[in-house]
PDB file of N, CA and C in Angstrom:
ATOM      1  N   MET A   1      79.321  81.793  38.803  1.00  0.00           N
ATOM      2  CA  MET A   1      78.646  81.895  40.033  1.00  0.00           C
ATOM      3  C   MET A   1      78.974  83.109  40.862  1.00  0.00           C
ATOM      4  N   SER A   2      80.275  83.587  40.843  1.00  0.00           N
ATOM      5  CA  SER A   2      80.764  84.732  41.586  1.00  0.00           C
ATOM      6  C   SER A   2      80.079  85.851  40.899  1.00  0.00           C
ATOM      7  N   SER A   3      79.833  85.941  39.710  1.00  0.00           N
ATOM      8  CA  SER A   3      79.098  87.227  38.946  1.00  0.00           C
ATOM      9  C   SER A   3      77.752  87.317  39.653  1.00  0.00           C
ATOM     10  N   ILE A   4      77.038  86.197  39.923  1.00  0.00           N
ATOM     11  CA  ILE A   4      75.763  86.187  40.377  1.00  0.00           C
ATOM     12  C   ILE A   4      75.732  86.695  41.734  1.00  0.00           C
ATOM     13  N   ILE A   5      76.596  86.205  42.443  1.00  0.00           N
ATOM     14  CA  ILE A   5      76.797  86.701  43.969  1.00  0.00           C
ATOM     15  C   ILE A   5      77.075  88.073  44.009  1.00  0.00           C
ATOM     16  N   ASN A   6      77.991  88.736  43.269  1.00  0.00           N
ATOM     17  CA  ASN A   6      78.348  89.959  43.020  1.00  0.00           C
ATOM     18  C   ASN A   6      77.110  90.849  42.675  1.00  0.00           C
ATOM     19  N   MET A   7      76.284  90.329  41.816  1.00  0.00           N
ATOM     20  CA  MET A   7      75.017  91.108  41.329  1.00  0.00           C
ATOM     21  C   MET A   7      74.049  91.103  42.476  1.00  0.00           C
ATOM     22  N   MET A   8      73.765  90.018  43.197  1.00  0.00           N
ATOM     23  CA  MET A   8      72.964  89.901  44.259  1.00  0.00           C
ATOM     24  C   MET A   8      73.515  90.939  45.424  1.00  0.00           C
ATOM     25  N   GLU A   9      74.866  91.030  45.708  1.00  0.00           N
ATOM     26  CA  GLU A   9      75.215  92.023  46.675  1.00  0.00           C
ATOM     27  C   GLU A   9      74.984  93.390  46.401  1.00  0.00           C
ATOM     28  N   SER A  10      75.137  93.682  45.156  1.00  0.00           N
ATOM     29  CA  SER A  10      74.875  95.038  44.656  1.00  0.00           C
ATOM     30  C   SER A  10      73.372  95.468  44.767  1.00  0.00           C
ATOM     31  N   ASN A  11      72.550  94.427  44.514  1.00  0.00           N
ATOM     32  CA  ASN A  11      71.170  94.562  44.634  1.00  0.00           C
ATOM     33  C   ASN A  11      70.820  94.813  46.029  1.00  0.00           C
ATOM     34  N   VAL A  12      71.417  94.054  46.886  1.00  0.00           N
ATOM     35  CA  VAL A  12      71.049  94.270  48.450  1.00  0.00           C
ATOM     36  C   VAL A  12      71.649  95.648  48.840  1.00  0.00           C
ATOM     37  N   TYR A  13      72.818  96.100  48.472  1.00  0.00           N
ATOM     38  CA  TYR A  13      73.405  97.309  48.672  1.00  0.00           C
ATOM     39  C   TYR A  13      72.339  98.402  48.316  1.00  0.00           C
ATOM     40  N   SER A  14      71.917  98.385  47.024  1.00  0.00           N
ATOM     41  CA  SER A  14      71.051  99.293  46.472  1.00  0.00           C
ATOM     42  C   SER A  14      69.772  99.451  47.226  1.00  0.00           C
ATOM     43  N   LEU A  15      69.306  98.190  47.555  1.00  0.00           N
ATOM     44  CA  LEU A  15      68.112  98.155  48.419  1.00  0.00           C
ATOM     45  C   LEU A  15      68.192  98.957  49.682  1.00  0.00           C
ATOM     46  N   ARG A  16      69.392  98.621  50.331  1.00  0.00           N
ATOM     47  CA  ARG A  16      69.620  99.223  51.572  1.00  0.00           C
ATOM     48  C   ARG A  16      69.863 100.737  51.562  1.00  0.00           C
ATOM     49  N   GLN A  17      70.394 101.289  50.640  1.00  0.00           N
ATOM     50  CA  GLN A  17      70.532 102.573  50.195  1.00  0.00           C
ATOM     51  C   GLN A  17      69.260 103.316  50.140  1.00  0.00           C
ATOM     52  N   ALA A  18      68.097 102.663  49.261  1.00  0.00           N
ATOM     53  CA  ALA A  18      66.843 103.153  49.049  1.00  0.00           C
ATOM     54  C   ALA A  18      66.233 103.150  50.297  1.00  0.00           C
ATOM     55  N   ILE A  19      66.196 102.094  51.079  1.00  0.00           N
ATOM     56  CA  ILE A  19      65.534 102.203  52.462  1.00  0.00           C
ATOM     57  C   ILE A  19      66.095 103.225  53.357  1.00  0.00           C
ATOM     58  N   ASN A  20      67.387 103.447  53.358  1.00  0.00           N
ATOM     59  CA  ASN A  20      67.886 104.431  54.192  1.00  0.00           C
ATOM     60  C   ASN A  20      67.488 106.041  53.747  1.00  0.00           C
ATOM     61  N   ILE A  21      67.497 106.078  52.470  1.00  0.00           N
ATOM     62  CA  ILE A  21      66.992 107.359  52.011  1.00  0.00           C
ATOM     63  C   ILE A  21      65.530 107.650  52.329  1.00  0.00           C
ATOM     64  N   SER A  22      64.735 106.579  52.251  1.00  0.00           N
ATOM     65  CA  SER A  22      63.250 106.641  52.520  1.00  0.00           C
ATOM     66  C   SER A  22      63.161 106.993  53.998  1.00  0.00           C
ATOM     67  N   ASN A  23      63.927 106.417  54.983  1.00  0.00           N
ATOM     68  CA  ASN A  23      63.940 106.805  56.374  1.00  0.00           C
ATOM     69  C   ASN A  23      64.303 108.125  56.719  1.00  0.00           C
ATOM     70  N   ILE A  24      65.317 108.691  55.840  1.00  0.00           N
ATOM     71  CA  ILE A  24      65.669 110.076  56.158  1.00  0.00           C
ATOM     72  C   ILE A  24      64.607 111.077  55.726  1.00  0.00           C
ATOM     73  N   ARG A  25      63.962 110.597  54.688  1.00  0.00           N
ATOM     74  CA  ARG A  25      62.923 111.638  54.125  1.00  0.00           C
ATOM     75  C   ARG A  25      61.725 111.662  55.153  1.00  0.00           C
ATOM     76  N   LYS A  26      61.399 110.539  55.556  1.00  0.00           N
ATOM     77  CA  LYS A  26      60.482 110.417  56.439  1.00  0.00           C
ATOM     78  C   LYS A  26      60.786 111.167  57.859  1.00  0.00           C
ATOM     79  N   ALA A  27      61.901 110.922  58.310  1.00  0.00           N
ATOM     80  CA  ALA A  27      62.307 111.765  59.430  1.00  0.00           C
ATOM     81  C   ALA A  27      62.258 113.345  59.326  1.00  0.00           C
ATOM     82  N   MET A  28      62.853 113.667  58.187  1.00  0.00           N
ATOM     83  CA  MET A  28      62.897 115.184  57.796  1.00  0.00           C
ATOM     84  C   MET A  28      61.462 115.746  57.775  1.00  0.00           C
ATOM     85  N   ASN A  29      60.484 114.838  57.227  1.00  0.00           N
ATOM     86  CA  ASN A  29      59.064 115.322  57.086  1.00  0.00           C
ATOM     87  C   ASN A  29      58.610 115.451  58.570  1.00  0.00           C
ATOM     88  N   GLN A  30      58.860 114.433  59.385  1.00  0.00           N
ATOM     89  CA  GLN A  30      58.284 114.852  60.895  1.00  0.00           C
ATOM     90  C   GLN A  30      58.970 115.921  61.552  1.00  0.00           C
ATOM     91  N   ASP A  31      60.223 116.191  61.262  1.00  0.00           N
ATOM     92  CA  ASP A  31      60.819 117.288  61.941  1.00  0.00           C
ATOM     93  C   ASP A  31      60.269 118.652  61.357  1.00  0.00           C
ATOM     94  N   GLN A  32      59.961 118.627  60.041  1.00  0.00           N
ATOM     95  CA  GLN A  32      59.204 119.772  59.422  1.00  0.00           C
ATOM     96  C   GLN A  32      57.982 120.039  60.182  1.00  0.00           C
ATOM     97  N   GLN A  33      57.110 118.897  60.291  1.00  0.00           N
ATOM     98  CA  GLN A  33      55.879 119.203  60.943  1.00  0.00           C
ATOM     99  C   GLN A  33      56.036 119.584  62.285  1.00  0.00           C
ATOM    100  N   SER A  34      56.998 119.199  63.065  1.00  0.00           N
ATOM    101  CA  SER A  34      57.249 119.492  64.591  1.00  0.00           C
ATOM    102  C   SER A  34      57.600 120.872  64.535  1.00  0.00           C
ATOM    103  N   VAL A  35      58.458 121.398  63.493  1.00  0.00           N
ATOM    104  CA  VAL A  35      58.810 122.909  63.582  1.00  0.00           C
ATOM    105  C   VAL A  35      57.572 123.801  63.137  1.00  0.00           C
ATOM    106  N   GLY A  36      56.781 123.321  62.375  1.00  0.00           N
ATOM    107  CA  GLY A  36      55.640 124.040  61.893  1.00  0.00           C
ATOM    108  C   GLY A  36      54.679 124.203  63.218  1.00  0.00           C
ATOM    109  N   ASN A  37      54.446 123.095  64.011  1.00  0.00           N
ATOM    110  CA  ASN A  37      53.597 123.214  65.169  1.00  0.00           C
ATOM    111  C   ASN A  37      54.258 124.152  66.192  1.00  0.00           C
ATOM    112  N   LEU A  38      55.500 124.028  66.419  1.00  0.00           N
ATOM    113  CA  LEU A  38      56.209 124.837  67.310  1.00  0.00           C
ATOM    114  C   LEU A  38      56.013 126.436  66.901  1.00  0.00           C
ATOM    115  N   ILE A  39      56.181 126.740  65.786  1.00  0.00           N
ATOM    116  CA  ILE A  39      56.010 127.948  65.249  1.00  0.00           C
ATOM    117  C   ILE A  39      54.604 128.598  65.398  1.00  0.00           C
ATOM    118  N   LYS A  40      53.605 127.741  65.129  1.00  0.00           N
ATOM    119  CA  LYS A  40      52.216 128.077  65.298  1.00  0.00           C
ATOM    120  C   LYS A  40      51.977 128.483  66.832  1.00  0.00           C
ATOM    121  N   GLY A  41      52.435 127.515  67.760  1.00  0.00           N
ATOM    122  CA  GLY A  41      52.260 127.650  69.239  1.00  0.00           C
ATOM    123  C   GLY A  41      53.036 129.039  69.565  1.00  0.00           C
ATOM    124  N   MET A  42      54.261 129.173  69.136  1.00  0.00           N
ATOM    125  CA  MET A  42      54.750 130.550  69.458  1.00  0.00           C
ATOM    126  C   MET A  42      54.128 131.740  68.919  1.00  0.00           C
ATOM    127  N   GLU A  43      53.537 131.698  67.891  1.00  0.00           N
ATOM    128  CA  GLU A  43      52.707 132.888  67.289  1.00  0.00           C
ATOM    129  C   GLU A  43      51.482 132.954  68.173  1.00  0.00           C
ATOM    130  N   GLU A  44      50.869 131.917  68.606  1.00  0.00           N
ATOM    131  CA  GLU A  44      49.726 132.256  69.499  1.00  0.00           C
ATOM    132  C   GLU A  44      50.079 132.820  70.853  1.00  0.00           C
ATOM    133  N   ILE A  45      51.109 132.177  71.360  1.00  0.00           N
ATOM    134  CA  ILE A  45      51.452 132.721  72.844  1.00  0.00           C
ATOM    135  C   ILE A  45      52.077 134.174  72.540  1.00  0.00           C
ATOM    136  N   ASN A  46      52.767 134.542  71.439  1.00  0.00           N
ATOM    137  CA  ASN A  46      53.145 135.946  71.221  1.00  0.00           C
ATOM    138  C   ASN A  46      52.131 136.903  71.165  1.00  0.00           C
ATOM    139  N   LYS A  47      50.849 136.442  70.536  1.00  0.00           N
ATOM    140  CA  LYS A  47      49.684 137.256  70.415  1.00  0.00           C
ATOM    141  C   LYS A  47      49.154 137.705  71.791  1.00  0.00           C
ATOM    142  N   LYS A  48      48.894 136.735  72.647  1.00  0.00           N
ATOM    143  CA  LYS A  48      48.346 136.787  73.889  1.00  0.00           C
ATOM    144  C   LYS A  48      49.310 137.616  74.712  1.00  0.00           C
ATOM    145  N   THR A  49      50.594 137.466  74.527  1.00  0.00           N
ATOM    146  CA  THR A  49      51.576 138.299  75.615  1.00  0.00           C
ATOM    147  C   THR A  49      51.383 139.703  75.076  1.00  0.00           C
ATOM    148  N   MET A  50      51.504 139.960  73.614  1.00  0.00           N
ATOM    149  CA  MET A  50      51.288 141.293  73.194  1.00  0.00           C
ATOM    150  C   MET A  50      50.111 141.998  73.649  1.00  0.00           C
ATOM    151  N   GLU A  51      49.045 141.228  73.583  1.00  0.00           N
ATOM    152  CA  GLU A  51      47.732 141.899  74.188  1.00  0.00           C
ATOM    153  C   GLU A  51      47.854 142.412  75.522  1.00  0.00           C
ATOM    154  N   LEU A  52      48.453 141.413  76.339  1.00  0.00           N
ATOM    155  CA  LEU A  52      48.514 141.668  77.773  1.00  0.00           C
ATOM    156  C   LEU A  52      49.470 142.936  78.033  1.00  0.00           C
ATOM    157  N   SER A  53      50.537 143.017  77.058  1.00  0.00           N
ATOM    158  CA  SER A  53      51.496 144.106  77.538  1.00  0.00           C
ATOM    159  C   SER A  53      50.957 145.394  76.966  1.00  0.00           C
ATOM    160  N   LEU A  54      50.054 145.369  76.058  1.00  0.00           N
ATOM    161  CA  LEU A  54      49.434 146.750  75.617  1.00  0.00           C
ATOM    162  C   LEU A  54      48.419 147.291  76.514  1.00  0.00           C
ATOM    163  N   GLN A  55      47.557 146.161  76.904  1.00  0.00           N
ATOM    164  CA  GLN A  55      46.570 146.568  77.890  1.00  0.00           C
ATOM    165  C   GLN A  55      46.544 145.679  79.074  1.00  0.00           C
ATOM    166  N   PRO A  56      47.423 145.698  79.852  1.00  0.00           N
ATOM    167  CA  PRO A  56      47.548 144.930  81.130  1.00  0.00           C
ATOM    168  C   PRO A  56      46.347 144.991  81.985  1.00  0.00           C
ATOM    169  N   TYR A  57      45.716 146.012  81.988  1.00  0.00           N
ATOM    170  CA  TYR A  57      44.625 146.262  82.912  1.00  0.00           C
ATOM    171  C   TYR A  57      43.156 145.679  82.389  1.00  0.00           C
ATOM    172  N   LYS A  58      43.223 145.302  80.973  1.00  0.00           N
ATOM    173  CA  LYS A  58      41.995 144.742  80.413  1.00  0.00           C
ATOM    174  C   LYS A  58      41.596 143.481  81.137  1.00  0.00           C
ATOM    175  N   GLY A  59      40.184 143.500  81.633  1.00  0.00           N
ATOM    176  CA  GLY A  59      39.683 142.236  82.222  1.00  0.00           C
ATOM    177  C   GLY A  59      39.911 142.059  83.774  1.00  0.00           C
ATOM    178  N   SER A  60      40.711 142.996  84.352  1.00  0.00           N
ATOM    179  CA  SER A  60      41.070 142.768  85.666  1.00  0.00           C
ATOM    180  C   SER A  60      40.155 143.464  86.521  1.00  0.00           C
ATOM    181  N   ASN A  61      39.626 144.778  85.937  1.00  0.00           N
ATOM    182  CA  ASN A  61      38.614 145.589  86.931  1.00  0.00           C
ATOM    183  C   ASN A  61      37.288 145.908  85.957  1.00  0.00           C
ATOM    184  N   ILE A  62      36.299 146.146  86.710  1.00  0.00           N
ATOM    185  CA  ILE A  62      35.074 146.291  85.963  1.00  0.00           C
ATOM    186  C   ILE A  62      34.748 147.801  86.710  1.00  0.00           C
ATOM    187  N   ASP A  63      34.381 148.780  85.706  1.00  0.00           N
ATOM    188  CA  ASP A  63      34.016 150.192  86.109  1.00  0.00           C
ATOM    189  C   ASP A  63      32.483 150.188  86.000  1.00  0.00           C
ATOM    190  N   ILE A  64      31.908 150.587  86.995  1.00  0.00           N
ATOM    191  CA  ILE A  64      30.281 150.782  87.066  1.00  0.00           C
ATOM    192  C   ILE A  64      30.099 152.197  87.571  1.00  0.00           C
ATOM    193  N   LYS A  65      29.224 152.817  86.698  1.00  0.00           N
ATOM    194  CA  LYS A  65      28.873 154.276  87.100  1.00  0.00           C
ATOM    195  C   LYS A  65      27.243 154.176  87.539  1.00  0.00           C
ATOM    196  N   LEU A  66      26.851 154.836  88.658  1.00  0.00           N
ATOM    197  CA  LEU A  66      25.582 154.893  88.928  1.00  0.00           C
ATOM    198  C   LEU A  66      24.904 156.220  88.830  1.00  0.00           C
TER     199      LEU A  66
END
């Protein structure tokens, strides 16, 4: 009887470990996606900032010759 209980306990322990590993992988994947989104956003902002720093006058005035 005790060997059956020990076997069931080890199965439950193994199952808990598998669930924990699955949860960790899921969390890591979500973090990876978040970091990817942050990097993309930073790249877009840096492009706009760079354009404005190279030509800050662009779009602010219109030159018309008659």
